[in-house]
Amino acid sequence: MQSVFGGTELGDIDIRRVLDRARSLIFRRYATIVLVSALLIVPAPAFHSGFLFPLALLGIGGLLYTLRTLPRSLLWVGTCKRVLAAYPLVPRSPMIEQQRMTGAGGWKMVVLLGREGIDLSPEMAATEALGRRREIPKEGAEVWFAGDDIFGGVILQPDSDELFLAEPREWEELNIAREAAGRARLATAKQARLRGGRK
């Protein structure tokens, strides 16, 4: 079914399915890491072999990596769920400008979101559930957005059910706009637990 924006209608988007897909990706990824780590750890004590000890260290490293990064991925999904509950999804096609950015927080996708008759969004830095490098959608791709441009939100690609958690790339530049946002917008950002609403 096509919308007036020439793409997917809101009724075609199953939010629960999208969130379940993100959770499934996370648990499959970390279940695989834990299984492989266990297979590397077990032989050394089982066979009392010092030659297998380096493999055990690799396995321990895999478990420590899981303990460090799994909570962050689950928090990512939780934030997406709160944002999607607090804000309506609206079409923000086309995506105008795109680039990759790697920093302390891992890989991010930087985009500008469009909307008919409304100014472009600020540059939004977006991450996916596992922080992996993803193929950036083609310029002009259909996307939907739940959130507030000055606080951030969730970008959804309806053709792939991929979610990206986004916030303005130049955060400090929008401080004045956030301070003048008004009670309603601040309350909604706080409900969604977006960074600018957590005061």
N, C-alpha and C. Protein backbone atom coordinates (compact mmCIF):
# COMPACT_ATOMS: atom_id res chain seq x y z
N MET A 1 0.85 -1.19 0.00
CA MET A 1 0.00 0.00 0.00
C MET A 1 0.89 1.24 0.00
N GLN A 2 0.55 2.22 -0.83
CA GLN A 2 1.40 3.39 -1.00
C GLN A 2 0.81 4.59 -0.28
N SER A 3 1.66 5.40 0.29
CA SER A 3 1.23 6.62 0.97
C SER A 3 1.31 7.80 0.01
N VAL A 4 0.88 8.97 0.47
CA VAL A 4 0.98 10.16 -0.36
C VAL A 4 2.43 10.55 -0.59
N PHE A 5 3.33 10.01 0.20
CA PHE A 5 4.76 10.29 0.03
C PHE A 5 5.39 9.31 -0.96
N GLY A 6 4.57 8.45 -1.53
CA GLY A 6 5.08 7.52 -2.54
C GLY A 6 5.76 6.31 -1.96
N GLY A 7 5.53 6.01 -0.70
CA GLY A 7 6.19 4.86 -0.09
C GLY A 7 5.24 4.06 0.77
N THR A 8 5.77 3.56 1.89
CA THR A 8 5.01 2.70 2.78
C THR A 8 4.04 3.51 3.62
N GLU A 9 2.86 2.95 3.85
CA GLU A 9 1.92 3.58 4.77
C GLU A 9 2.22 3.13 6.19
N LEU A 10 1.85 3.96 7.16
CA LEU A 10 2.11 3.65 8.56
C LEU A 10 1.47 2.33 8.96
N GLY A 11 0.29 2.04 8.42
CA GLY A 11 -0.39 0.80 8.77
C GLY A 11 0.36 -0.44 8.36
N ASP A 12 1.30 -0.29 7.40
CA ASP A 12 2.09 -1.44 6.95
C ASP A 12 3.27 -1.73 7.88
N ILE A 13 3.54 -0.83 8.82
CA ILE A 13 4.71 -0.97 9.68
C ILE A 13 4.30 -1.61 11.01
N ASP A 14 4.84 -2.78 11.29
CA ASP A 14 4.56 -3.49 12.54
C ASP A 14 5.71 -3.20 13.51
N ILE A 15 5.48 -2.30 14.45
CA ILE A 15 6.54 -1.88 15.37
C ILE A 15 7.04 -3.06 16.20
N ARG A 16 6.13 -3.90 16.65
CA ARG A 16 6.56 -5.06 17.46
C ARG A 16 7.49 -5.96 16.66
N ARG A 17 7.16 -6.19 15.39
CA ARG A 17 8.02 -7.03 14.55
C ARG A 17 9.40 -6.41 14.39
N VAL A 18 9.43 -5.09 14.20
CA VAL A 18 10.70 -4.39 14.02
C VAL A 18 11.57 -4.52 15.27
N LEU A 19 10.96 -4.32 16.45
CA LEU A 19 11.72 -4.44 17.70
C LEU A 19 12.15 -5.88 17.95
N ASP A 20 11.26 -6.83 17.65
CA ASP A 20 11.61 -8.25 17.82
C ASP A 20 12.78 -8.63 16.92
N ARG A 21 12.81 -8.06 15.72
CA ARG A 21 13.92 -8.33 14.81
C ARG A 21 15.23 -7.83 15.40
N ALA A 22 15.21 -6.63 15.97
CA ALA A 22 16.43 -6.07 16.58
C ALA A 22 16.89 -6.94 17.74
N ARG A 23 15.96 -7.36 18.61
CA ARG A 23 16.34 -8.22 19.74
C ARG A 23 16.90 -9.54 19.24
N SER A 24 16.28 -10.11 18.22
CA SER A 24 16.74 -11.39 17.68
C SER A 24 18.16 -11.28 17.14
N LEU A 25 18.46 -10.19 16.45
CA LEU A 25 19.82 -9.99 15.94
C LEU A 25 20.82 -9.95 17.08
N ILE A 26 20.46 -9.25 18.16
CA ILE A 26 21.35 -9.13 19.31
C ILE A 26 21.60 -10.48 19.95
N PHE A 27 20.53 -11.23 20.23
CA PHE A 27 20.71 -12.49 20.94
C PHE A 27 21.40 -13.54 20.08
N ARG A 28 21.14 -13.53 18.77
CA ARG A 28 21.85 -14.47 17.90
C ARG A 28 23.34 -14.17 17.88
N ARG A 29 23.66 -12.88 17.79
CA ARG A 29 25.08 -12.47 17.76
C ARG A 29 25.79 -12.91 19.04
N TYR A 30 25.21 -12.60 20.19
CA TYR A 30 25.91 -12.87 21.43
C TYR A 30 25.83 -14.34 21.83
N ALA A 31 24.77 -15.04 21.44
CA ALA A 31 24.72 -16.49 21.68
C ALA A 31 25.84 -17.18 20.92
N THR A 32 26.09 -16.73 19.70
CA THR A 32 27.18 -17.31 18.90
C THR A 32 28.53 -17.04 19.56
N ILE A 33 28.74 -15.82 20.04
CA ILE A 33 30.02 -15.49 20.70
C ILE A 33 30.21 -16.33 21.95
N VAL A 34 29.15 -16.48 22.76
CA VAL A 34 29.26 -17.26 24.01
C VAL A 34 29.54 -18.72 23.69
N LEU A 35 28.86 -19.27 22.68
CA LEU A 35 29.08 -20.67 22.33
C LEU A 35 30.51 -20.91 21.86
N VAL A 36 30.99 -20.05 20.97
CA VAL A 36 32.37 -20.21 20.48
C VAL A 36 33.36 -20.02 21.62
N SER A 37 33.11 -19.07 22.51
CA SER A 37 34.00 -18.83 23.65
C SER A 37 34.06 -20.06 24.55
N ALA A 38 32.90 -20.67 24.80
CA ALA A 38 32.87 -21.86 25.65
C ALA A 38 33.66 -23.00 25.01
N LEU A 39 33.53 -23.15 23.69
CA LEU A 39 34.26 -24.21 22.99
C LEU A 39 35.77 -23.98 23.05
N LEU A 40 36.19 -22.73 23.14
CA LEU A 40 37.62 -22.43 23.26
C LEU A 40 38.13 -22.63 24.68
N ILE A 41 37.27 -22.40 25.67
CA ILE A 41 37.70 -22.47 27.07
C ILE A 41 37.77 -23.91 27.57
N VAL A 42 36.78 -24.73 27.23
CA VAL A 42 36.62 -26.05 27.84
C VAL A 42 37.79 -27.00 27.60
N PRO A 43 38.38 -27.08 26.39
CA PRO A 43 39.43 -28.09 26.17
C PRO A 43 40.65 -27.97 27.08
N ALA A 44 41.08 -26.77 27.43
CA ALA A 44 42.31 -26.61 28.22
C ALA A 44 42.21 -27.31 29.57
N PRO A 45 41.19 -27.03 30.40
CA PRO A 45 41.09 -27.75 31.67
C PRO A 45 40.70 -29.22 31.48
N ALA A 46 39.93 -29.51 30.43
CA ALA A 46 39.49 -30.89 30.22
C ALA A 46 40.66 -31.82 29.89
N PHE A 47 41.60 -31.33 29.10
CA PHE A 47 42.73 -32.16 28.68
C PHE A 47 44.01 -31.81 29.42
N HIS A 48 43.92 -30.86 30.37
CA HIS A 48 45.09 -30.45 31.16
C HIS A 48 46.27 -30.12 30.25
N SER A 49 45.95 -29.34 29.20
CA SER A 49 46.97 -29.05 28.20
C SER A 49 47.33 -27.57 28.22
N GLY A 50 48.61 -27.30 28.44
CA GLY A 50 49.07 -25.93 28.40
C GLY A 50 49.06 -25.35 27.01
N PHE A 51 49.14 -26.23 25.98
CA PHE A 51 49.12 -25.75 24.61
C PHE A 51 47.77 -25.13 24.24
N LEU A 52 46.72 -25.54 24.95
CA LEU A 52 45.38 -25.02 24.66
C LEU A 52 45.05 -23.78 25.47
N PHE A 53 45.95 -23.39 26.35
CA PHE A 53 45.69 -22.25 27.22
C PHE A 53 45.46 -20.94 26.44
N PRO A 54 46.23 -20.66 25.37
CA PRO A 54 45.95 -19.43 24.60
C PRO A 54 44.53 -19.39 24.03
N LEU A 55 44.02 -20.59 23.64
CA LEU A 55 42.65 -20.63 23.13
C LEU A 55 41.66 -20.29 24.24
N ALA A 56 41.96 -20.79 25.45
CA ALA A 56 41.09 -20.48 26.58
C ALA A 56 41.08 -18.98 26.87
N LEU A 57 42.24 -18.34 26.73
CA LEU A 57 42.29 -16.89 26.93
C LEU A 57 41.43 -16.15 25.91
N LEU A 58 41.45 -16.65 24.66
CA LEU A 58 40.59 -16.04 23.64
C LEU A 58 39.12 -16.21 24.01
N GLY A 59 38.77 -17.39 24.51
CA GLY A 59 37.40 -17.64 24.93
C GLY A 59 36.98 -16.73 26.07
N ILE A 60 37.87 -16.55 27.04
CA ILE A 60 37.58 -15.65 28.16
C ILE A 60 37.39 -14.23 27.66
N GLY A 61 38.22 -13.84 26.69
CA GLY A 61 38.07 -12.52 26.09
C GLY A 61 36.70 -12.35 25.43
N GLY A 62 36.23 -13.40 24.76
CA GLY A 62 34.91 -13.35 24.14
C GLY A 62 33.80 -13.18 25.16
N LEU A 63 33.92 -13.87 26.30
CA LEU A 63 32.92 -13.73 27.35
C LEU A 63 32.95 -12.34 27.97
N LEU A 64 34.14 -11.80 28.18
CA LEU A 64 34.25 -10.45 28.73
C LEU A 64 33.68 -9.42 27.77
N TYR A 65 33.93 -9.63 26.47
CA TYR A 65 33.36 -8.74 25.45
C TYR A 65 31.84 -8.76 25.51
N THR A 66 31.27 -9.95 25.67
CA THR A 66 29.81 -10.08 25.75
C THR A 66 29.27 -9.36 26.97
N LEU A 67 29.92 -9.56 28.12
CA LEU A 67 29.47 -8.90 29.35
C LEU A 67 29.54 -7.38 29.24
N ARG A 68 30.50 -6.89 28.46
CA ARG A 68 30.67 -5.44 28.32
C ARG A 68 29.69 -4.83 27.32
N THR A 69 29.41 -5.54 26.23
CA THR A 69 28.65 -4.93 25.15
C THR A 69 27.19 -5.36 25.07
N LEU A 70 26.84 -6.53 25.59
CA LEU A 70 25.44 -6.97 25.53
C LEU A 70 24.50 -6.00 26.25
N PRO A 71 24.82 -5.55 27.48
CA PRO A 71 23.91 -4.59 28.14
C PRO A 71 23.70 -3.32 27.32
N ARG A 72 24.76 -2.85 26.64
CA ARG A 72 24.63 -1.64 25.84
C ARG A 72 23.67 -1.87 24.67
N SER A 73 23.74 -3.05 24.06
CA SER A 73 22.84 -3.35 22.94
C SER A 73 21.40 -3.46 23.41
N LEU A 74 21.19 -4.09 24.58
CA LEU A 74 19.83 -4.21 25.11
C LEU A 74 19.29 -2.84 25.52
N LEU A 75 20.15 -1.98 26.06
CA LEU A 75 19.75 -0.62 26.39
C LEU A 75 19.35 0.13 25.12
N TRP A 76 20.07 -0.10 24.04
CA TRP A 76 19.75 0.50 22.74
C TRP A 76 18.32 0.14 22.33
N VAL A 77 17.97 -1.15 22.43
CA VAL A 77 16.62 -1.58 22.06
C VAL A 77 15.58 -0.96 22.99
N GLY A 78 15.89 -0.90 24.29
CA GLY A 78 14.97 -0.31 25.24
C GLY A 78 14.70 1.16 24.92
N THR A 79 15.74 1.88 24.54
CA THR A 79 15.56 3.29 24.18
C THR A 79 14.71 3.41 22.93
N CYS A 80 14.96 2.58 21.93
CA CYS A 80 14.14 2.60 20.71
C CYS A 80 12.68 2.34 21.05
N LYS A 81 12.43 1.39 21.93
CA LYS A 81 11.05 1.06 22.30
C LYS A 81 10.37 2.25 22.97
N ARG A 82 11.08 2.94 23.87
CA ARG A 82 10.49 4.10 24.55
C ARG A 82 10.24 5.25 23.57
N VAL A 83 11.17 5.45 22.64
CA VAL A 83 10.99 6.52 21.65
C VAL A 83 9.77 6.23 20.78
N LEU A 84 9.63 4.99 20.33
CA LEU A 84 8.51 4.62 19.47
C LEU A 84 7.18 4.68 20.20
N ALA A 85 7.23 4.55 21.54
CA ALA A 85 6.00 4.68 22.33
C ALA A 85 5.65 6.14 22.56
N ALA A 86 6.67 7.01 22.60
CA ALA A 86 6.44 8.42 22.94
C ALA A 86 6.15 9.29 21.72
N TYR A 87 6.68 8.91 20.56
CA TYR A 87 6.55 9.74 19.36
C TYR A 87 5.88 8.95 18.24
N PRO A 88 5.10 9.62 17.40
CA PRO A 88 4.55 8.94 16.22
C PRO A 88 5.62 8.78 15.14
N LEU A 89 5.50 7.75 14.34
CA LEU A 89 6.36 7.59 13.17
C LEU A 89 5.82 8.48 12.05
N VAL A 90 6.70 9.25 11.45
CA VAL A 90 6.30 10.11 10.34
C VAL A 90 7.29 9.91 9.19
N PRO A 91 6.83 10.02 7.94
CA PRO A 91 7.76 9.87 6.81
C PRO A 91 8.73 11.03 6.77
N ARG A 92 10.00 10.72 6.65
CA ARG A 92 11.04 11.75 6.54
C ARG A 92 11.91 11.47 5.34
N SER A 93 11.27 11.10 4.27
CA SER A 93 11.99 10.82 3.04
C SER A 93 12.10 12.12 2.24
N PRO A 94 13.12 12.26 1.44
CA PRO A 94 14.21 11.29 1.29
C PRO A 94 15.36 11.58 2.25
N MET A 95 16.21 10.58 2.41
CA MET A 95 17.46 10.83 3.11
C MET A 95 18.34 11.64 2.15
N ILE A 96 18.88 12.74 2.64
CA ILE A 96 19.51 13.69 1.74
C ILE A 96 21.03 13.51 1.63
N GLU A 97 21.68 13.44 2.77
CA GLU A 97 23.15 13.41 2.76
C GLU A 97 23.59 12.31 3.72
N GLN A 98 24.59 11.55 3.30
CA GLN A 98 24.97 10.41 4.11
C GLN A 98 26.48 10.25 4.12
N GLN A 99 27.00 9.82 5.25
CA GLN A 99 28.42 9.53 5.36
C GLN A 99 28.63 8.60 6.54
N ARG A 100 29.82 8.05 6.62
CA ARG A 100 30.17 7.18 7.74
C ARG A 100 31.05 7.96 8.71
N MET A 101 30.95 7.57 9.97
CA MET A 101 31.77 8.23 10.98
C MET A 101 32.15 7.17 12.01
N THR A 102 33.40 7.11 12.37
CA THR A 102 33.85 6.18 13.39
C THR A 102 34.46 6.98 14.53
N GLY A 103 34.00 6.70 15.74
CA GLY A 103 34.50 7.42 16.91
C GLY A 103 34.58 6.49 18.10
N ALA A 104 34.67 7.07 19.28
CA ALA A 104 34.80 6.28 20.50
C ALA A 104 33.59 5.38 20.71
N GLY A 105 32.42 5.82 20.25
CA GLY A 105 31.21 5.03 20.42
C GLY A 105 31.00 4.01 19.33
N GLY A 106 31.96 3.84 18.43
CA GLY A 106 31.83 2.88 17.35
C GLY A 106 31.34 3.54 16.08
N TRP A 107 30.89 2.72 15.16
CA TRP A 107 30.48 3.18 13.83
C TRP A 107 29.15 3.91 13.89
N LYS A 108 29.03 5.00 13.15
CA LYS A 108 27.77 5.73 13.05
C LYS A 108 27.52 6.12 11.60
N MET A 109 26.25 6.30 11.29
CA MET A 109 25.83 6.78 9.99
C MET A 109 25.32 8.20 10.18
N VAL A 110 25.80 9.14 9.37
CA VAL A 110 25.39 10.54 9.51
C VAL A 110 24.49 10.88 8.34
N VAL A 111 23.27 11.36 8.64
CA VAL A 111 22.30 11.64 7.59
C VAL A 111 21.58 12.95 7.86
N LEU A 112 20.99 13.47 6.80
CA LEU A 112 20.01 14.55 6.90
C LEU A 112 18.66 13.96 6.52
N LEU A 113 17.64 14.26 7.30
CA LEU A 113 16.30 13.76 7.02
C LEU A 113 15.46 14.86 6.39
N GLY A 114 14.73 14.52 5.36
CA GLY A 114 13.87 15.49 4.70
C GLY A 114 12.42 15.32 5.13
N ARG A 115 11.60 16.28 4.75
CA ARG A 115 10.16 16.17 4.93
C ARG A 115 9.51 17.23 4.05
N GLU A 116 8.42 16.87 3.39
CA GLU A 116 7.79 17.79 2.45
C GLU A 116 7.34 19.07 3.14
N GLY A 117 7.79 20.20 2.63
CA GLY A 117 7.36 21.50 3.13
C GLY A 117 8.01 21.94 4.41
N ILE A 118 9.00 21.17 4.91
CA ILE A 118 9.64 21.50 6.19
C ILE A 118 11.15 21.47 6.00
N ASP A 119 11.84 22.31 6.75
CA ASP A 119 13.30 22.35 6.64
C ASP A 119 13.90 20.99 6.93
N LEU A 120 15.11 20.79 6.42
CA LEU A 120 15.83 19.55 6.70
C LEU A 120 16.18 19.46 8.18
N SER A 121 16.39 18.26 8.62
CA SER A 121 16.85 18.04 9.99
C SER A 121 18.28 18.51 10.13
N PRO A 122 18.76 18.69 11.37
CA PRO A 122 20.21 18.82 11.55
C PRO A 122 20.88 17.50 11.17
N GLU A 123 22.18 17.51 11.03
CA GLU A 123 22.87 16.25 10.79
C GLU A 123 22.62 15.31 11.95
N MET A 124 22.15 14.10 11.63
CA MET A 124 21.84 13.11 12.66
C MET A 124 22.87 11.99 12.59
N ALA A 125 23.48 11.68 13.74
CA ALA A 125 24.41 10.55 13.84
C ALA A 125 23.64 9.36 14.36
N ALA A 126 23.60 8.29 13.58
CA ALA A 126 22.73 7.15 13.89
C ALA A 126 23.54 5.87 14.04
N THR A 127 23.13 5.03 15.00
CA THR A 127 23.78 3.75 15.24
C THR A 127 22.75 2.64 15.15
N GLU A 128 23.20 1.44 14.75
CA GLU A 128 22.30 0.29 14.76
C GLU A 128 22.59 -0.56 15.98
N ALA A 129 21.78 -1.59 16.20
CA ALA A 129 21.76 -2.32 17.47
C ALA A 129 23.13 -2.85 17.89
N LEU A 130 23.90 -3.35 16.95
CA LEU A 130 25.17 -3.98 17.29
C LEU A 130 26.37 -3.08 17.00
N GLY A 131 26.10 -1.85 16.58
CA GLY A 131 27.19 -0.94 16.29
C GLY A 131 28.03 -1.36 15.11
N ARG A 132 27.44 -2.19 14.23
CA ARG A 132 28.21 -2.71 13.10
C ARG A 132 28.23 -1.72 11.94
N ARG A 133 29.21 -1.87 11.09
CA ARG A 133 29.23 -1.10 9.85
C ARG A 133 28.14 -1.67 8.94
N ARG A 134 27.26 -0.80 8.50
CA ARG A 134 26.16 -1.21 7.64
C ARG A 134 26.27 -0.48 6.31
N GLU A 135 25.69 -1.08 5.30
CA GLU A 135 25.60 -0.39 4.02
C GLU A 135 24.64 0.78 4.18
N ILE A 136 25.11 1.98 3.86
CA ILE A 136 24.28 3.16 4.01
C ILE A 136 23.22 3.17 2.91
N PRO A 137 21.97 3.44 3.28
CA PRO A 137 20.91 3.47 2.25
C PRO A 137 21.24 4.49 1.16
N LYS A 138 20.74 4.23 -0.01
CA LYS A 138 20.97 5.15 -1.12
C LYS A 138 20.30 6.49 -0.82
N GLU A 139 20.94 7.56 -1.30
CA GLU A 139 20.35 8.87 -1.12
C GLU A 139 18.96 8.90 -1.76
N GLY A 140 17.99 9.42 -1.02
CA GLY A 140 16.61 9.42 -1.49
C GLY A 140 15.83 8.22 -1.00
N ALA A 141 16.46 7.33 -0.22
CA ALA A 141 15.76 6.15 0.27
C ALA A 141 14.60 6.54 1.20
N GLU A 142 13.58 5.71 1.22
CA GLU A 142 12.44 5.96 2.09
C GLU A 142 12.80 5.64 3.53
N VAL A 143 12.55 6.59 4.42
CA VAL A 143 12.75 6.36 5.85
C VAL A 143 11.60 7.01 6.62
N TRP A 144 11.36 6.48 7.82
CA TRP A 144 10.39 7.05 8.75
C TRP A 144 11.16 7.44 10.01
N PHE A 145 10.63 8.42 10.73
CA PHE A 145 11.32 8.94 11.90
C PHE A 145 10.33 9.12 13.05
N ALA A 146 10.72 8.66 14.22
CA ALA A 146 9.97 8.91 15.46
C ALA A 146 10.90 9.66 16.38
N GLY A 147 10.53 10.87 16.75
CA GLY A 147 11.40 11.64 17.63
C GLY A 147 11.23 13.13 17.41
N ASP A 148 12.24 13.87 17.81
CA ASP A 148 12.25 15.32 17.73
C ASP A 148 13.63 15.70 17.21
N ASP A 149 13.69 16.49 16.15
CA ASP A 149 14.97 16.78 15.51
C ASP A 149 16.03 17.30 16.47
N ILE A 150 15.64 18.08 17.48
CA ILE A 150 16.65 18.67 18.35
C ILE A 150 17.04 17.75 19.52
N PHE A 151 16.26 16.69 19.73
CA PHE A 151 16.58 15.74 20.79
C PHE A 151 17.06 14.39 20.25
N GLY A 152 16.65 14.06 19.03
CA GLY A 152 16.99 12.76 18.46
C GLY A 152 15.77 11.88 18.36
N GLY A 153 16.00 10.61 18.00
CA GLY A 153 14.89 9.69 17.88
C GLY A 153 15.32 8.42 17.16
N VAL A 154 14.35 7.79 16.51
CA VAL A 154 14.57 6.50 15.85
C VAL A 154 14.28 6.64 14.36
N ILE A 155 15.22 6.18 13.54
CA ILE A 155 15.03 6.13 12.10
C ILE A 155 14.69 4.69 11.72
N LEU A 156 13.66 4.51 10.91
CA LEU A 156 13.24 3.19 10.47
C LEU A 156 13.28 3.12 8.95
N GLN A 157 13.93 2.07 8.43
CA GLN A 157 13.87 1.77 7.00
C GLN A 157 12.80 0.71 6.80
N PRO A 158 11.65 1.06 6.25
CA PRO A 158 10.56 0.09 6.17
C PRO A 158 10.82 -1.07 5.21
N ASP A 159 11.70 -0.87 4.23
CA ASP A 159 11.95 -1.96 3.28
C ASP A 159 12.77 -3.08 3.89
N SER A 160 13.52 -2.78 4.96
CA SER A 160 14.37 -3.80 5.59
C SER A 160 14.08 -4.00 7.07
N ASP A 161 13.18 -3.19 7.64
CA ASP A 161 12.87 -3.22 9.08
C ASP A 161 14.08 -2.88 9.94
N GLU A 162 15.05 -2.17 9.38
CA GLU A 162 16.22 -1.79 10.16
C GLU A 162 15.94 -0.52 10.96
N LEU A 163 16.38 -0.54 12.22
CA LEU A 163 16.24 0.61 13.10
C LEU A 163 17.60 1.24 13.34
N PHE A 164 17.61 2.56 13.46
CA PHE A 164 18.81 3.30 13.84
C PHE A 164 18.41 4.29 14.93
N LEU A 165 19.18 4.33 16.00
CA LEU A 165 18.97 5.30 17.07
C LEU A 165 19.82 6.52 16.73
N ALA A 166 19.18 7.70 16.67
CA ALA A 166 19.88 8.88 16.15
C ALA A 166 19.75 10.05 17.11
N GLU A 167 20.77 10.90 17.07
CA GLU A 167 20.69 12.19 17.77
C GLU A 167 21.50 13.20 16.96
N PRO A 168 21.26 14.49 17.17
CA PRO A 168 22.00 15.49 16.41
C PRO A 168 23.51 15.31 16.56
N ARG A 169 24.21 15.37 15.44
CA ARG A 169 25.67 15.17 15.47
C ARG A 169 26.35 16.31 16.23
N GLU A 170 25.94 17.53 15.96
CA GLU A 170 26.51 18.69 16.65
C GLU A 170 25.58 19.05 17.81
N TRP A 171 25.66 18.28 18.88
CA TRP A 171 24.73 18.38 19.99
C TRP A 171 24.73 19.76 20.64
N GLU A 172 25.90 20.29 20.93
CA GLU A 172 26.00 21.55 21.66
C GLU A 172 25.39 22.71 20.88
N GLU A 173 25.44 22.66 19.56
CA GLU A 173 24.92 23.75 18.76
C GLU A 173 23.42 23.95 18.92
N LEU A 174 22.73 22.93 19.40
CA LEU A 174 21.27 22.99 19.54
C LEU A 174 20.83 23.21 20.99
N ASN A 175 21.77 23.54 21.88
CA ASN A 175 21.42 23.76 23.28
C ASN A 175 20.35 24.85 23.45
N ILE A 176 20.52 25.96 22.74
CA ILE A 176 19.56 27.07 22.86
C ILE A 176 18.18 26.63 22.39
N ALA A 177 18.13 25.89 21.28
CA ALA A 177 16.85 25.40 20.77
C ALA A 177 16.17 24.46 21.76
N ARG A 178 16.98 23.61 22.43
CA ARG A 178 16.38 22.69 23.41
C ARG A 178 15.87 23.45 24.63
N GLU A 179 16.60 24.47 25.06
CA GLU A 179 16.18 25.25 26.22
C GLU A 179 14.87 26.00 25.93
N ALA A 180 14.65 26.33 24.65
CA ALA A 180 13.45 27.07 24.28
C ALA A 180 12.35 26.14 23.75
N ALA A 181 12.52 24.85 23.92
CA ALA A 181 11.61 23.90 23.29
C ALA A 181 10.21 23.91 23.90
N GLY A 182 10.08 24.30 25.14
CA GLY A 182 8.77 24.29 25.78
C GLY A 182 8.55 23.03 26.59
N ARG A 183 7.60 23.12 27.51
CA ARG A 183 7.39 22.01 28.46
C ARG A 183 6.96 20.72 27.78
N ALA A 184 6.07 20.85 26.79
CA ALA A 184 5.53 19.64 26.16
C ALA A 184 6.63 18.84 25.46
N ARG A 185 7.47 19.53 24.70
CA ARG A 185 8.54 18.82 23.99
C ARG A 185 9.56 18.24 24.96
N LEU A 186 9.88 18.99 26.02
CA LEU A 186 10.81 18.48 27.03
C LEU A 186 10.23 17.27 27.74
N ALA A 187 8.93 17.32 28.05
CA ALA A 187 8.29 16.20 28.75
C ALA A 187 8.30 14.95 27.87
N THR A 188 8.05 15.11 26.58
CA THR A 188 8.05 13.96 25.68
C THR A 188 9.46 13.39 25.54
N ALA A 189 10.46 14.26 25.43
CA ALA A 189 11.85 13.79 25.35
C ALA A 189 12.24 13.06 26.63
N LYS A 190 11.76 13.54 27.77
CA LYS A 190 12.05 12.88 29.04
C LYS A 190 11.37 11.52 29.10
N GLN A 191 10.11 11.46 28.63
CA GLN A 191 9.40 10.19 28.60
C GLN A 191 10.14 9.16 27.74
N ALA A 192 10.67 9.63 26.61
CA ALA A 192 11.42 8.74 25.72
C ALA A 192 12.83 8.48 26.21
N ARG A 193 13.26 9.24 27.23
CA ARG A 193 14.62 9.15 27.78
C ARG A 193 15.68 9.49 26.75
N LEU A 194 15.34 10.42 25.90
CA LEU A 194 16.36 10.97 25.00
C LEU A 194 17.28 11.87 25.81
N ARG A 195 18.49 11.99 25.37
CA ARG A 195 19.54 12.62 26.19
C ARG A 195 19.16 14.01 26.66
N GLY A 196 18.64 14.85 25.78
CA GLY A 196 18.32 16.21 26.16
C GLY A 196 17.16 16.34 27.12
N GLY A 197 16.38 15.26 27.29
CA GLY A 197 15.26 15.31 28.21
C GLY A 197 15.56 14.74 29.57
N ARG A 198 16.78 14.20 29.73
CA ARG A 198 17.14 13.60 31.02
C ARG A 198 17.83 14.63 31.90
N LYS A 199 17.02 15.46 32.56
CA LYS A 199 17.57 16.51 33.41
C LYS A 199 16.98 16.37 34.80
